[in-house]
Amino acid sequence: MIQENDVVIAKKDLSKIVLKGSKGAVVMVYKEPRLGYEVEFVNNHGETLDVITVYPEDIEELPITSPRGREKG
């Protein structure tokens, strides 16, 4: 389950500037009226593109990798 501070990727275009493949960090999780997430999406320089509310079908969690490139877990 996606939680606050998780890094996620957009599964589709979410706005004119947050496109499929954009990365972001979950800043808030909403449980009502339906599960949703407030996500700050950034560009490759770490600059904020937008902060938007998205839903589980819009994003997926990026796996955390160790410095050696192996997935933790």
PDB file of N, CA and C in Angstrom:
ATOM      1  N   MET A   1       0.843  -1.192   0.000  1.00  0.00           N
ATOM      2  CA  MET A   1       0.000   0.000   0.000  1.00  0.00           C
ATOM      3  C   MET A   1       0.881   1.245   0.000  1.00  0.00           C
ATOM      4  N   ILE A   2       0.519   2.198  -0.791  1.00  0.00           N
ATOM      5  CA  ILE A   2       1.265   3.454  -0.884  1.00  0.00           C
ATOM      6  C   ILE A   2       1.019   4.275   0.374  1.00  0.00           C
ATOM      7  N   GLN A   3       2.118   4.838   0.907  1.00  0.00           N
ATOM      8  CA  GLN A   3       2.052   5.629   2.142  1.00  0.00           C
ATOM      9  C   GLN A   3       2.708   6.987   1.923  1.00  0.00           C
ATOM     10  N   GLU A   4       2.546   7.876   2.913  1.00  0.00           N
ATOM     11  CA  GLU A   4       3.199   9.183   2.843  1.00  0.00           C
ATOM     12  C   GLU A   4       4.703   9.003   2.674  1.00  0.00           C
ATOM     13  N   ASN A   5       5.298   9.859   1.879  1.00  0.00           N
ATOM     14  CA  ASN A   5       6.730   9.905   1.568  1.00  0.00           C
ATOM     15  C   ASN A   5       7.184   8.852   0.564  1.00  0.00           C
ATOM     16  N   ASP A   6       6.290   7.968   0.110  1.00  0.00           N
ATOM     17  CA  ASP A   6       6.660   7.015  -0.932  1.00  0.00           C
ATOM     18  C   ASP A   6       6.883   7.755  -2.243  1.00  0.00           C
ATOM     19  N   VAL A   7       7.796   7.246  -3.044  1.00  0.00           N
ATOM     20  CA  VAL A   7       8.040   7.799  -4.374  1.00  0.00           C
ATOM     21  C   VAL A   7       7.184   7.009  -5.358  1.00  0.00           C
ATOM     22  N   VAL A   8       6.471   7.744  -6.210  1.00  0.00           N
ATOM     23  CA  VAL A   8       5.555   7.121  -7.162  1.00  0.00           C
ATOM     24  C   VAL A   8       5.831   7.633  -8.566  1.00  0.00           C
ATOM     25  N   ILE A   9       5.243   6.949  -9.541  1.00  0.00           N
ATOM     26  CA  ILE A   9       5.355   7.349 -10.934  1.00  0.00           C
ATOM     27  C   ILE A   9       3.956   7.410 -11.534  1.00  0.00           C
ATOM     28  N   ALA A  10       3.729   8.412 -12.384  1.00  0.00           N
ATOM     29  CA  ALA A  10       2.424   8.550 -13.039  1.00  0.00           C
ATOM     30  C   ALA A  10       2.260   7.476 -14.104  1.00  0.00           C
ATOM     31  N   LYS A  11       1.138   6.779 -14.067  1.00  0.00           N
ATOM     32  CA  LYS A  11       0.856   5.719 -15.034  1.00  0.00           C
ATOM     33  C   LYS A  11       0.237   6.269 -16.320  1.00  0.00           C
ATOM     34  N   LYS A  12      -0.165   7.544 -16.283  1.00  0.00           N
ATOM     35  CA  LYS A  12      -0.767   8.195 -17.452  1.00  0.00           C
ATOM     36  C   LYS A  12      -0.575   9.699 -17.305  1.00  0.00           C
ATOM     37  N   ASP A  13      -0.871  10.451 -18.352  1.00  0.00           N
ATOM     38  CA  ASP A  13      -0.824  11.906 -18.258  1.00  0.00           C
ATOM     39  C   ASP A  13      -1.873  12.355 -17.252  1.00  0.00           C
ATOM     40  N   LEU A  14      -1.438  13.154 -16.272  1.00  0.00           N
ATOM     41  CA  LEU A  14      -2.360  13.601 -15.221  1.00  0.00           C
ATOM     42  C   LEU A  14      -2.729  15.073 -15.362  1.00  0.00           C
ATOM     43  N   SER A  15      -1.937  15.822 -16.104  1.00  0.00           N
ATOM     44  CA  SER A  15      -2.222  17.228 -16.401  1.00  0.00           C
ATOM     45  C   SER A  15      -1.366  17.610 -17.603  1.00  0.00           C
ATOM     46  N   LYS A  16      -1.405  18.876 -17.966  1.00  0.00           N
ATOM     47  CA  LYS A  16      -0.589  19.328 -19.104  1.00  0.00           C
ATOM     48  C   LYS A  16       0.902  19.260 -18.810  1.00  0.00           C
ATOM     49  N   ILE A  17       1.273  19.286 -17.524  1.00  0.00           N
ATOM     50  CA  ILE A  17       2.701  19.250 -17.177  1.00  0.00           C
ATOM     51  C   ILE A  17       3.124  17.992 -16.429  1.00  0.00           C
ATOM     52  N   VAL A  18       2.171  17.285 -15.836  1.00  0.00           N
ATOM     53  CA  VAL A  18       2.482  16.013 -15.179  1.00  0.00           C
ATOM     54  C   VAL A  18       2.097  14.899 -16.146  1.00  0.00           C
ATOM     55  N   LEU A  19       3.123  14.396 -16.843  1.00  0.00           N
ATOM     56  CA  LEU A  19       2.898  13.416 -17.892  1.00  0.00           C
ATOM     57  C   LEU A  19       3.228  12.014 -17.421  1.00  0.00           C
ATOM     58  N   LYS A  20       2.789  11.036 -18.194  1.00  0.00           N
ATOM     59  CA  LYS A  20       3.087   9.637 -17.900  1.00  0.00           C
ATOM     60  C   LYS A  20       4.591   9.500 -17.676  1.00  0.00           C
ATOM     61  N   GLY A  21       4.965   8.817 -16.588  1.00  0.00           N
ATOM     62  CA  GLY A  21       6.368   8.623 -16.257  1.00  0.00           C
ATOM     63  C   GLY A  21       6.930   9.657 -15.300  1.00  0.00           C
ATOM     64  N   SER A  22       6.163  10.721 -15.009  1.00  0.00           N
ATOM     65  CA  SER A  22       6.625  11.730 -14.048  1.00  0.00           C
ATOM     66  C   SER A  22       6.732  11.103 -12.669  1.00  0.00           C
ATOM     67  N   LYS A  23       7.764  11.510 -11.931  1.00  0.00           N
ATOM     68  CA  LYS A  23       7.972  10.991 -10.578  1.00  0.00           C
ATOM     69  C   LYS A  23       7.531  12.021  -9.555  1.00  0.00           C
ATOM     70  N   GLY A  24       7.076  11.497  -8.406  1.00  0.00           N
ATOM     71  CA  GLY A  24       6.644  12.386  -7.346  1.00  0.00           C
ATOM     72  C   GLY A  24       6.691  11.710  -5.999  1.00  0.00           C
ATOM     73  N   ALA A  25       6.470  12.504  -4.967  1.00  0.00           N
ATOM     74  CA  ALA A  25       6.451  12.006  -3.591  1.00  0.00           C
ATOM     75  C   ALA A  25       5.060  12.231  -3.003  1.00  0.00           C
ATOM     76  N   VAL A  26       4.556  11.218  -2.333  1.00  0.00           N
ATOM     77  CA  VAL A  26       3.248  11.312  -1.686  1.00  0.00           C
ATOM     78  C   VAL A  26       3.392  12.181  -0.443  1.00  0.00           C
ATOM     79  N   VAL A  27       2.609  13.255  -0.380  1.00  0.00           N
ATOM     80  CA  VAL A  27       2.674  14.154   0.768  1.00  0.00           C
ATOM     81  C   VAL A  27       1.486  13.979   1.714  1.00  0.00           C
ATOM     82  N   MET A  28       0.408  13.340   1.221  1.00  0.00           N
ATOM     83  CA  MET A  28      -0.743  13.089   2.077  1.00  0.00           C
ATOM     84  C   MET A  28      -1.562  11.941   1.494  1.00  0.00           C
ATOM     85  N   VAL A  29      -2.135  11.142   2.376  1.00  0.00           N
ATOM     86  CA  VAL A  29      -3.022  10.047   1.972  1.00  0.00           C
ATOM     87  C   VAL A  29      -4.422  10.371   2.469  1.00  0.00           C
ATOM     88  N   TYR A  30      -5.401  10.301   1.567  1.00  0.00           N
ATOM     89  CA  TYR A  30      -6.802  10.511   1.922  1.00  0.00           C
ATOM     90  C   TYR A  30      -7.509   9.173   1.926  1.00  0.00           C
ATOM     91  N   LYS A  31      -8.286   8.912   2.947  1.00  0.00           N
ATOM     92  CA  LYS A  31      -9.026   7.650   3.009  1.00  0.00           C
ATOM     93  C   LYS A  31     -10.510   7.840   2.757  1.00  0.00           C
ATOM     94  N   GLU A  32     -11.001   9.070   2.840  1.00  0.00           N
ATOM     95  CA  GLU A  32     -12.419   9.359   2.609  1.00  0.00           C
ATOM     96  C   GLU A  32     -12.546  10.616   1.773  1.00  0.00           C
ATOM     97  N   PRO A  33     -13.477  10.770   0.899  1.00  0.00           N
ATOM     98  CA  PRO A  33     -14.570   9.843   0.626  1.00  0.00           C
ATOM     99  C   PRO A  33     -14.120   8.605  -0.157  1.00  0.00           C
ATOM    100  N   ARG A  34     -12.899   8.670  -0.767  1.00  0.00           N
ATOM    101  CA  ARG A  34     -12.309   7.478  -1.378  1.00  0.00           C
ATOM    102  C   ARG A  34     -10.796   7.610  -1.272  1.00  0.00           C
ATOM    103  N   LEU A  35     -10.124   6.493  -1.404  1.00  0.00           N
ATOM    104  CA  LEU A  35      -8.676   6.492  -1.291  1.00  0.00           C
ATOM    105  C   LEU A  35      -8.065   7.379  -2.363  1.00  0.00           C
ATOM    106  N   GLY A  36      -7.213   8.303  -1.936  1.00  0.00           N
ATOM    107  CA  GLY A  36      -6.532   9.216  -2.851  1.00  0.00           C
ATOM    108  C   GLY A  36      -5.237   9.693  -2.231  1.00  0.00           C
ATOM    109  N   TYR A  37      -4.429  10.340  -3.046  1.00  0.00           N
ATOM    110  CA  TYR A  37      -3.114  10.790  -2.602  1.00  0.00           C
ATOM    111  C   TYR A  37      -2.839  12.194  -3.111  1.00  0.00           C
ATOM    112  N   GLU A  38      -2.251  13.012  -2.272  1.00  0.00           N
ATOM    113  CA  GLU A  38      -1.723  14.299  -2.684  1.00  0.00           C
ATOM    114  C   GLU A  38      -0.265  14.043  -3.015  1.00  0.00           C
ATOM    115  N   VAL A  39       0.136  14.318  -4.259  1.00  0.00           N
ATOM    116  CA  VAL A  39       1.486  13.996  -4.715  1.00  0.00           C
ATOM    117  C   VAL A  39       2.160  15.247  -5.272  1.00  0.00           C
ATOM    118  N   GLU A  40       3.403  15.476  -4.853  1.00  0.00           N
ATOM    119  CA  GLU A  40       4.223  16.541  -5.421  1.00  0.00           C
ATOM    120  C   GLU A  40       5.081  15.911  -6.510  1.00  0.00           C
ATOM    121  N   PHE A  41       4.782  16.246  -7.746  1.00  0.00           N
ATOM    122  CA  PHE A  41       5.546  15.750  -8.885  1.00  0.00           C
ATOM    123  C   PHE A  41       6.684  16.712  -9.191  1.00  0.00           C
ATOM    124  N   VAL A  42       7.840  16.165  -9.546  1.00  0.00           N
ATOM    125  CA  VAL A  42       9.037  16.971  -9.799  1.00  0.00           C
ATOM    126  C   VAL A  42       9.648  16.609 -11.157  1.00  0.00           C
ATOM    127  N   ASN A  43      10.480  17.536 -11.671  1.00  0.00           N
ATOM    128  CA  ASN A  43      11.207  17.242 -12.905  1.00  0.00           C
ATOM    129  C   ASN A  43      12.532  16.567 -12.550  1.00  0.00           C
ATOM    130  N   ASN A  44      13.366  16.337 -13.535  1.00  0.00           N
ATOM    131  CA  ASN A  44      14.636  15.634 -13.314  1.00  0.00           C
ATOM    132  C   ASN A  44      15.646  16.443 -12.504  1.00  0.00           C
ATOM    133  N   HIS A  45      15.353  17.731 -12.290  1.00  0.00           N
ATOM    134  CA  HIS A  45      16.222  18.585 -11.481  1.00  0.00           C
ATOM    135  C   HIS A  45      15.689  18.750 -10.057  1.00  0.00           C
ATOM    136  N   GLY A  46      14.579  18.064  -9.745  1.00  0.00           N
ATOM    137  CA  GLY A  46      13.994  18.147  -8.413  1.00  0.00           C
ATOM    138  C   GLY A  46      13.094  19.353  -8.209  1.00  0.00           C
ATOM    139  N   GLU A  47      12.817  20.073  -9.286  1.00  0.00           N
ATOM    140  CA  GLU A  47      11.952  21.244  -9.190  1.00  0.00           C
ATOM    141  C   GLU A  47      10.493  20.809  -9.300  1.00  0.00           C
ATOM    142  N   THR A  48       9.640  21.403  -8.477  1.00  0.00           N
ATOM    143  CA  THR A  48       8.232  21.031  -8.453  1.00  0.00           C
ATOM    144  C   THR A  48       7.540  21.375  -9.761  1.00  0.00           C
ATOM    145  N   LEU A  49       6.862  20.379 -10.315  1.00  0.00           N
ATOM    146  CA  LEU A  49       6.011  20.602 -11.487  1.00  0.00           C
ATOM    147  C   LEU A  49       4.616  21.000 -11.046  1.00  0.00           C
ATOM    148  N   ASP A  50       4.067  20.237 -10.090  1.00  0.00           N
ATOM    149  CA  ASP A  50       2.708  20.461  -9.617  1.00  0.00           C
ATOM    150  C   ASP A  50       2.449  19.586  -8.399  1.00  0.00           C
ATOM    151  N   VAL A  51       1.481  19.977  -7.606  1.00  0.00           N
ATOM    152  CA  VAL A  51       0.996  19.158  -6.494  1.00  0.00           C
ATOM    153  C   VAL A  51      -0.469  18.900  -6.792  1.00  0.00           C
ATOM    154  N   ILE A  52      -0.803  17.616  -6.990  1.00  0.00           N
ATOM    155  CA  ILE A  52      -2.163  17.282  -7.387  1.00  0.00           C
ATOM    156  C   ILE A  52      -2.679  16.070  -6.614  1.00  0.00           C
ATOM    157  N   THR A  53      -4.005  15.965  -6.561  1.00  0.00           N
ATOM    158  CA  THR A  53      -4.642  14.797  -5.961  1.00  0.00           C
ATOM    159  C   THR A  53      -4.821  13.738  -7.041  1.00  0.00           C
ATOM    160  N   VAL A  54      -4.383  12.528  -6.725  1.00  0.00           N
ATOM    161  CA  VAL A  54      -4.486  11.409  -7.662  1.00  0.00           C
ATOM    162  C   VAL A  54      -5.108  10.217  -6.950  1.00  0.00           C
ATOM    163  N   TYR A  55      -5.428   9.191  -7.729  1.00  0.00           N
ATOM    164  CA  TYR A  55      -6.077   8.001  -7.204  1.00  0.00           C
ATOM    165  C   TYR A  55      -5.233   6.768  -7.505  1.00  0.00           C
ATOM    166  N   PRO A  56      -5.489   5.658  -6.820  1.00  0.00           N
ATOM    167  CA  PRO A  56      -4.640   4.470  -6.983  1.00  0.00           C
ATOM    168  C   PRO A  56      -4.417   4.057  -8.437  1.00  0.00           C
ATOM    169  N   GLU A  57      -5.414   4.235  -9.277  1.00  0.00           N
ATOM    170  CA  GLU A  57      -5.265   3.830 -10.675  1.00  0.00           C
ATOM    171  C   GLU A  57      -4.376   4.778 -11.486  1.00  0.00           C
ATOM    172  N   ASP A  58      -4.022   5.931 -10.908  1.00  0.00           N
ATOM    173  CA  ASP A  58      -3.214   6.926 -11.609  1.00  0.00           C
ATOM    174  C   ASP A  58      -1.710   6.750 -11.417  1.00  0.00           C
ATOM    175  N   ILE A  59      -1.314   6.067 -10.340  1.00  0.00           N
ATOM    176  CA  ILE A  59       0.105   6.005  -9.965  1.00  0.00           C
ATOM    177  C   ILE A  59       0.509   4.595  -9.572  1.00  0.00           C
ATOM    178  N   GLU A  60       1.808   4.375  -9.535  1.00  0.00           N
ATOM    179  CA  GLU A  60       2.338   3.141  -8.964  1.00  0.00           C
ATOM    180  C   GLU A  60       3.588   3.482  -8.172  1.00  0.00           C
ATOM    181  N   GLU A  61       3.824   2.715  -7.134  1.00  0.00           N
ATOM    182  CA  GLU A  61       4.970   2.939  -6.265  1.00  0.00           C
ATOM    183  C   GLU A  61       6.240   2.489  -6.971  1.00  0.00           C
ATOM    184  N   LEU A  62       7.288   3.298  -6.863  1.00  0.00           N
ATOM    185  CA  LEU A  62       8.582   2.909  -7.402  1.00  0.00           C
ATOM    186  C   LEU A  62       9.282   2.043  -6.372  1.00  0.00           C
ATOM    187  N   PRO A  63       9.881   0.942  -6.801  1.00  0.00           N
ATOM    188  CA  PRO A  63      10.611   0.107  -5.839  1.00  0.00           C
ATOM    189  C   PRO A  63      11.829   0.848  -5.311  1.00  0.00           C
ATOM    190  N   ILE A  64      12.123   0.626  -4.043  1.00  0.00           N
ATOM    191  CA  ILE A  64      13.305   1.224  -3.425  1.00  0.00           C
ATOM    192  C   ILE A  64      14.490   0.322  -3.742  1.00  0.00           C
ATOM    193  N   THR A  65      15.551   0.921  -4.235  1.00  0.00           N
ATOM    194  CA  THR A  65      16.733   0.127  -4.542  1.00  0.00           C
ATOM    195  C   THR A  65      17.894   0.557  -3.654  1.00  0.00           C
ATOM    196  N   SER A  66      18.762  -0.381  -3.393  1.00  0.00           N
ATOM    197  CA  SER A  66      19.950  -0.087  -2.603  1.00  0.00           C
ATOM    198  C   SER A  66      20.967   0.602  -3.503  1.00  0.00           C
ATOM    199  N   PRO A  67      22.029   1.149  -2.935  1.00  0.00           N
ATOM    200  CA  PRO A  67      23.058   1.802  -3.751  1.00  0.00           C
ATOM    201  C   PRO A  67      23.659   0.884  -4.801  1.00  0.00           C
ATOM    202  N   ARG A  68      23.614  -0.409  -4.581  1.00  0.00           N
ATOM    203  CA  ARG A  68      24.165  -1.371  -5.543  1.00  0.00           C
ATOM    204  C   ARG A  68      23.156  -1.752  -6.606  1.00  0.00           C
ATOM    205  N   GLY A  69      21.959  -1.139  -6.557  1.00  0.00           N
ATOM    206  CA  GLY A  69      20.969  -1.373  -7.580  1.00  0.00           C
ATOM    207  C   GLY A  69      20.063  -2.568  -7.355  1.00  0.00           C
ATOM    208  N   ARG A  70      20.180  -3.207  -6.213  1.00  0.00           N
ATOM    209  CA  ARG A  70      19.298  -4.335  -5.914  1.00  0.00           C
ATOM    210  C   ARG A  70      18.104  -3.857  -5.118  1.00  0.00           C
ATOM    211  N   GLU A  71      16.953  -4.406  -5.447  1.00  0.00           N
ATOM    212  CA  GLU A  71      15.735  -4.010  -4.751  1.00  0.00           C
ATOM    213  C   GLU A  71      15.776  -4.449  -3.297  1.00  0.00           C
ATOM    214  N   LYS A  72      15.378  -3.520  -2.418  1.00  0.00           N
ATOM    215  CA  LYS A  72      15.272  -3.858  -0.985  1.00  0.00           C
ATOM    216  C   LYS A  72      13.927  -4.501  -0.747  1.00  0.00           C
ATOM    217  N   GLY A  73      13.859  -5.288   0.284  1.00  0.00           N
ATOM    218  CA  GLY A  73      12.549  -5.808   0.597  1.00  0.00           C
ATOM    219  C   GLY A  73      12.638  -7.042   1.292  1.00  0.00           C
TER     220      GLY A  73
END
